[in-house]
Amino acid sequence: MKRKSQAMMRRQQMMKMFIVTAILIVIAVILLSRSRVVADAPAQTPYYSTITVERGDNLWSIAQKYAPDNSNRSVSAYVDNIRSMNKLRRDAPLQVGQSLLVVYYTDEAR
């Protein structure tokens, strides 16, 4: 009797391990296929343009127009990008009529 119950317990443990392993494999396949779909998405092409600063413009408002996605993190990084591309100091105010180089991204070919 004891041997039968031990053998049955081993089979149950093996079945549980098989099920857990199968679930982990399915999760891994799903995650890998998701990243592959993202990788197959068309790359966004960067384009550079010169803009003229208008009354009321600041780096944040300009970055909101051109940042790849409009999250605060993205806009903040884009402000730093504008500063870097145009060699602007942090404390330097923008002047109306000033030209700035900006980069924007699009999926469309030009």
N, C-alpha and C. Protein backbone atom coordinates (compact mmCIF):
# COMPACT_ATOMS: atom_id res chain seq x y z
N MET A 1 0.82 -1.19 0.00
CA MET A 1 0.00 0.00 0.00
C MET A 1 0.87 1.25 0.00
N LYS A 2 1.92 1.20 0.84
CA LYS A 2 2.80 2.35 0.95
C LYS A 2 3.51 2.62 -0.37
N ARG A 3 3.92 1.57 -1.04
CA ARG A 3 4.62 1.72 -2.31
C ARG A 3 3.70 2.32 -3.37
N LYS A 4 2.46 1.90 -3.39
CA LYS A 4 1.51 2.43 -4.36
C LYS A 4 1.28 3.92 -4.13
N SER A 5 1.14 4.33 -2.89
CA SER A 5 0.89 5.75 -2.62
C SER A 5 2.13 6.59 -2.95
N GLN A 6 3.33 6.05 -2.69
CA GLN A 6 4.55 6.77 -3.04
C GLN A 6 4.68 6.90 -4.55
N ALA A 7 4.38 5.85 -5.27
CA ALA A 7 4.44 5.89 -6.72
C ALA A 7 3.42 6.87 -7.28
N MET A 8 2.24 6.88 -6.68
CA MET A 8 1.20 7.80 -7.12
C MET A 8 1.61 9.26 -6.83
N MET A 9 2.23 9.47 -5.69
CA MET A 9 2.69 10.82 -5.35
C MET A 9 3.77 11.28 -6.33
N ARG A 10 4.67 10.37 -6.71
CA ARG A 10 5.72 10.71 -7.68
C ARG A 10 5.10 11.09 -9.02
N ARG A 11 4.12 10.31 -9.45
CA ARG A 11 3.44 10.62 -10.72
C ARG A 11 2.76 11.98 -10.66
N GLN A 12 2.12 12.26 -9.53
CA GLN A 12 1.46 13.57 -9.39
C GLN A 12 2.48 14.70 -9.40
N GLN A 13 3.60 14.51 -8.73
CA GLN A 13 4.65 15.53 -8.73
C GLN A 13 5.22 15.73 -10.14
N MET A 14 5.43 14.63 -10.84
CA MET A 14 5.93 14.73 -12.20
C MET A 14 4.93 15.45 -13.10
N MET A 15 3.65 15.16 -12.93
CA MET A 15 2.61 15.82 -13.72
C MET A 15 2.58 17.31 -13.41
N LYS A 16 2.69 17.69 -12.14
CA LYS A 16 2.72 19.11 -11.76
C LYS A 16 3.93 19.81 -12.39
N MET A 17 5.08 19.14 -12.33
CA MET A 17 6.29 19.74 -12.92
C MET A 17 6.14 19.88 -14.42
N PHE A 18 5.53 18.90 -15.07
CA PHE A 18 5.29 18.97 -16.50
C PHE A 18 4.37 20.15 -16.84
N ILE A 19 3.30 20.32 -16.07
CA ILE A 19 2.36 21.40 -16.32
C ILE A 19 3.03 22.76 -16.10
N VAL A 20 3.78 22.92 -15.01
CA VAL A 20 4.48 24.18 -14.75
C VAL A 20 5.47 24.48 -15.87
N THR A 21 6.22 23.48 -16.30
CA THR A 21 7.18 23.67 -17.39
C THR A 21 6.47 24.08 -18.68
N ALA A 22 5.36 23.43 -18.97
CA ALA A 22 4.60 23.77 -20.18
C ALA A 22 4.09 25.20 -20.12
N ILE A 23 3.60 25.61 -18.96
CA ILE A 23 3.11 27.00 -18.80
C ILE A 23 4.25 27.99 -19.01
N LEU A 24 5.41 27.70 -18.43
CA LEU A 24 6.56 28.59 -18.60
C LEU A 24 6.99 28.68 -20.05
N ILE A 25 6.96 27.58 -20.75
CA ILE A 25 7.32 27.59 -22.18
C ILE A 25 6.32 28.43 -22.97
N VAL A 26 5.04 28.29 -22.69
CA VAL A 26 4.02 29.08 -23.39
C VAL A 26 4.23 30.57 -23.12
N ILE A 27 4.49 30.94 -21.87
CA ILE A 27 4.73 32.35 -21.53
C ILE A 27 5.96 32.87 -22.28
N ALA A 28 7.03 32.08 -22.31
CA ALA A 28 8.24 32.50 -23.02
C ALA A 28 7.97 32.71 -24.50
N VAL A 29 7.22 31.82 -25.11
CA VAL A 29 6.90 31.94 -26.54
C VAL A 29 6.09 33.21 -26.79
N ILE A 30 5.12 33.48 -25.93
CA ILE A 30 4.30 34.69 -26.08
C ILE A 30 5.17 35.94 -25.97
N LEU A 31 6.03 35.99 -24.96
CA LEU A 31 6.89 37.17 -24.78
C LEU A 31 7.85 37.34 -25.95
N LEU A 32 8.42 36.26 -26.43
CA LEU A 32 9.34 36.36 -27.55
C LEU A 32 8.63 36.77 -28.83
N SER A 33 7.43 36.29 -29.04
CA SER A 33 6.71 36.67 -30.25
C SER A 33 6.28 38.12 -30.20
N ARG A 34 5.98 38.65 -29.01
CA ARG A 34 5.64 40.07 -28.88
C ARG A 34 6.82 40.94 -29.25
N SER A 35 8.00 40.63 -28.73
CA SER A 35 9.17 41.45 -29.04
C SER A 35 9.51 41.36 -30.51
N ARG A 36 9.22 40.24 -31.12
CA ARG A 36 9.49 40.08 -32.54
C ARG A 36 8.56 40.95 -33.37
N VAL A 37 7.31 41.07 -32.97
CA VAL A 37 6.36 41.93 -33.68
C VAL A 37 6.83 43.37 -33.62
N VAL A 38 7.30 43.80 -32.45
CA VAL A 38 7.81 45.17 -32.31
C VAL A 38 9.02 45.36 -33.21
N ALA A 39 9.90 44.36 -33.27
CA ALA A 39 11.09 44.47 -34.11
C ALA A 39 10.73 44.53 -35.59
N ASP A 40 9.63 43.89 -35.98
CA ASP A 40 9.22 43.90 -37.37
C ASP A 40 8.49 45.17 -37.77
N ALA A 41 8.13 46.02 -36.79
CA ALA A 41 7.44 47.27 -37.09
C ALA A 41 8.37 48.18 -37.88
N PRO A 42 7.83 48.97 -38.79
CA PRO A 42 8.69 49.84 -39.57
C PRO A 42 9.40 50.86 -38.68
N ALA A 43 10.67 51.06 -38.94
CA ALA A 43 11.45 52.01 -38.16
C ALA A 43 11.04 53.42 -38.51
N GLN A 44 11.04 54.27 -37.49
CA GLN A 44 10.72 55.67 -37.75
C GLN A 44 11.98 56.36 -38.25
N THR A 45 11.82 57.16 -39.27
CA THR A 45 12.93 57.86 -39.88
C THR A 45 13.07 59.24 -39.28
N PRO A 46 14.29 59.63 -38.86
CA PRO A 46 14.46 60.98 -38.32
C PRO A 46 14.62 62.00 -39.45
N TYR A 47 13.99 63.13 -39.29
CA TYR A 47 14.14 64.26 -40.21
C TYR A 47 14.51 65.48 -39.39
N TYR A 48 15.33 66.33 -39.97
CA TYR A 48 15.76 67.54 -39.29
C TYR A 48 15.13 68.73 -39.97
N SER A 49 14.76 69.70 -39.16
CA SER A 49 14.12 70.89 -39.68
C SER A 49 14.56 72.08 -38.84
N THR A 50 14.56 73.24 -39.44
CA THR A 50 14.83 74.47 -38.71
C THR A 50 13.50 75.16 -38.47
N ILE A 51 13.27 75.54 -37.22
CA ILE A 51 12.05 76.26 -36.88
C ILE A 51 12.43 77.64 -36.37
N THR A 52 11.48 78.55 -36.40
CA THR A 52 11.69 79.90 -35.88
C THR A 52 10.88 80.04 -34.60
N VAL A 53 11.54 80.50 -33.54
CA VAL A 53 10.87 80.68 -32.26
C VAL A 53 9.86 81.82 -32.39
N GLU A 54 8.64 81.56 -31.94
CA GLU A 54 7.57 82.55 -31.97
C GLU A 54 7.25 83.01 -30.55
N ARG A 55 6.54 84.11 -30.44
CA ARG A 55 6.16 84.63 -29.13
C ARG A 55 5.41 83.56 -28.36
N GLY A 56 5.79 83.35 -27.11
CA GLY A 56 5.16 82.36 -26.25
C GLY A 56 5.80 80.98 -26.31
N ASP A 57 6.70 80.76 -27.26
CA ASP A 57 7.38 79.47 -27.36
C ASP A 57 8.40 79.31 -26.23
N ASN A 58 8.54 78.10 -25.76
CA ASN A 58 9.64 77.73 -24.87
C ASN A 58 10.06 76.32 -25.29
N LEU A 59 11.16 75.85 -24.73
CA LEU A 59 11.66 74.55 -25.16
C LEU A 59 10.66 73.43 -24.89
N TRP A 60 9.92 73.53 -23.79
CA TRP A 60 8.94 72.49 -23.47
C TRP A 60 7.82 72.45 -24.51
N SER A 61 7.29 73.64 -24.88
CA SER A 61 6.19 73.66 -25.85
C SER A 61 6.66 73.18 -27.23
N ILE A 62 7.88 73.52 -27.58
CA ILE A 62 8.44 73.06 -28.86
C ILE A 62 8.63 71.54 -28.82
N ALA A 63 9.15 71.05 -27.70
CA ALA A 63 9.38 69.61 -27.57
C ALA A 63 8.07 68.83 -27.62
N GLN A 64 7.01 69.39 -27.07
CA GLN A 64 5.72 68.71 -27.11
C GLN A 64 5.22 68.52 -28.54
N LYS A 65 5.58 69.44 -29.42
CA LYS A 65 5.16 69.32 -30.82
C LYS A 65 5.94 68.24 -31.57
N TYR A 66 7.21 68.05 -31.23
CA TYR A 66 8.08 67.21 -32.04
C TYR A 66 8.55 65.92 -31.36
N ALA A 67 8.34 65.75 -30.07
CA ALA A 67 8.82 64.56 -29.36
C ALA A 67 8.17 63.30 -29.96
N PRO A 68 8.91 62.20 -30.06
CA PRO A 68 8.38 60.97 -30.67
C PRO A 68 7.10 60.46 -30.01
N ASP A 69 7.03 60.47 -28.69
CA ASP A 69 5.75 60.19 -28.02
C ASP A 69 5.60 61.28 -26.97
N ASN A 70 4.39 61.57 -26.62
CA ASN A 70 4.14 62.77 -25.84
C ASN A 70 4.15 62.54 -24.33
N SER A 71 4.89 61.54 -23.85
CA SER A 71 4.98 61.33 -22.41
C SER A 71 5.93 62.38 -21.83
N ASN A 72 5.77 62.70 -20.55
CA ASN A 72 6.64 63.70 -19.92
C ASN A 72 8.11 63.32 -20.01
N ARG A 73 8.38 62.02 -19.87
CA ARG A 73 9.77 61.55 -19.96
C ARG A 73 10.34 61.82 -21.35
N SER A 74 9.55 61.54 -22.36
CA SER A 74 9.99 61.75 -23.73
C SER A 74 10.19 63.23 -24.02
N VAL A 75 9.26 64.06 -23.56
CA VAL A 75 9.35 65.50 -23.81
C VAL A 75 10.57 66.07 -23.09
N SER A 76 10.80 65.64 -21.87
CA SER A 76 11.96 66.11 -21.12
C SER A 76 13.26 65.73 -21.83
N ALA A 77 13.35 64.51 -22.31
CA ALA A 77 14.55 64.07 -23.04
C ALA A 77 14.70 64.87 -24.33
N TYR A 78 13.57 65.19 -24.97
CA TYR A 78 13.62 65.94 -26.22
C TYR A 78 14.07 67.38 -25.98
N VAL A 79 13.67 67.97 -24.84
CA VAL A 79 14.17 69.31 -24.48
C VAL A 79 15.69 69.27 -24.40
N ASP A 80 16.22 68.26 -23.72
CA ASP A 80 17.68 68.12 -23.64
C ASP A 80 18.30 67.94 -25.02
N ASN A 81 17.61 67.21 -25.90
CA ASN A 81 18.08 67.00 -27.26
C ASN A 81 18.14 68.34 -28.02
N ILE A 82 17.12 69.16 -27.89
CA ILE A 82 17.11 70.48 -28.56
C ILE A 82 18.26 71.32 -28.04
N ARG A 83 18.43 71.33 -26.71
CA ARG A 83 19.54 72.10 -26.12
C ARG A 83 20.88 71.65 -26.69
N SER A 84 21.07 70.34 -26.75
CA SER A 84 22.33 69.79 -27.22
C SER A 84 22.57 70.12 -28.70
N MET A 85 21.55 69.90 -29.55
CA MET A 85 21.72 70.14 -30.99
C MET A 85 22.00 71.61 -31.29
N ASN A 86 21.44 72.51 -30.48
CA ASN A 86 21.56 73.94 -30.74
C ASN A 86 22.58 74.62 -29.83
N LYS A 87 23.27 73.82 -29.02
CA LYS A 87 24.30 74.33 -28.11
C LYS A 87 23.75 75.46 -27.23
N LEU A 88 22.59 75.20 -26.63
CA LEU A 88 21.93 76.18 -25.77
C LEU A 88 22.31 75.91 -24.31
N ARG A 89 22.60 76.97 -23.56
CA ARG A 89 22.82 76.83 -22.13
C ARG A 89 21.47 76.70 -21.44
N ARG A 90 21.46 76.07 -20.29
CA ARG A 90 20.22 75.88 -19.54
C ARG A 90 19.56 77.20 -19.16
N ASP A 91 20.37 78.19 -18.86
CA ASP A 91 19.82 79.47 -18.38
C ASP A 91 19.57 80.48 -19.52
N ALA A 92 19.85 80.10 -20.76
CA ALA A 92 19.69 81.03 -21.89
C ALA A 92 18.22 81.03 -22.34
N PRO A 93 17.55 82.19 -22.29
CA PRO A 93 16.16 82.25 -22.76
C PRO A 93 16.11 82.22 -24.29
N LEU A 94 15.00 81.75 -24.82
CA LEU A 94 14.80 81.78 -26.27
C LEU A 94 14.39 83.18 -26.68
N GLN A 95 14.79 83.56 -27.87
CA GLN A 95 14.45 84.87 -28.41
C GLN A 95 13.48 84.70 -29.57
N VAL A 96 12.46 85.57 -29.63
CA VAL A 96 11.53 85.54 -30.77
C VAL A 96 12.34 85.75 -32.04
N GLY A 97 12.11 84.92 -33.04
CA GLY A 97 12.84 85.00 -34.30
C GLY A 97 14.08 84.12 -34.35
N GLN A 98 14.47 83.56 -33.22
CA GLN A 98 15.64 82.68 -33.16
C GLN A 98 15.36 81.39 -33.93
N SER A 99 16.36 80.90 -34.65
CA SER A 99 16.22 79.64 -35.39
C SER A 99 16.74 78.49 -34.53
N LEU A 100 15.99 77.40 -34.54
CA LEU A 100 16.41 76.21 -33.81
C LEU A 100 16.34 75.00 -34.74
N LEU A 101 17.32 74.14 -34.62
CA LEU A 101 17.31 72.87 -35.33
C LEU A 101 16.55 71.87 -34.47
N VAL A 102 15.57 71.18 -35.07
CA VAL A 102 14.82 70.15 -34.35
C VAL A 102 14.81 68.88 -35.20
N VAL A 103 14.63 67.77 -34.54
CA VAL A 103 14.49 66.49 -35.23
C VAL A 103 13.09 65.98 -34.95
N TYR A 104 12.48 65.40 -35.97
CA TYR A 104 11.18 64.76 -35.76
C TYR A 104 11.23 63.41 -36.46
N TYR A 105 10.33 62.53 -36.06
CA TYR A 105 10.34 61.16 -36.56
C TYR A 105 9.01 60.85 -37.24
N THR A 106 9.09 60.10 -38.32
CA THR A 106 7.87 59.70 -39.01
C THR A 106 8.07 58.33 -39.64
N ASP A 107 6.96 57.62 -39.82
CA ASP A 107 6.99 56.32 -40.51
C ASP A 107 6.94 56.49 -42.01
N GLU A 108 6.50 57.67 -42.44
CA GLU A 108 6.31 57.92 -43.87
C GLU A 108 7.62 58.21 -44.56
N ALA A 109 7.80 57.64 -45.72
CA ALA A 109 9.01 57.92 -46.51
C ALA A 109 8.79 59.24 -47.25
N ARG A 110 9.84 60.01 -47.35
CA ARG A 110 9.74 61.29 -48.06
C ARG A 110 10.59 61.27 -49.29
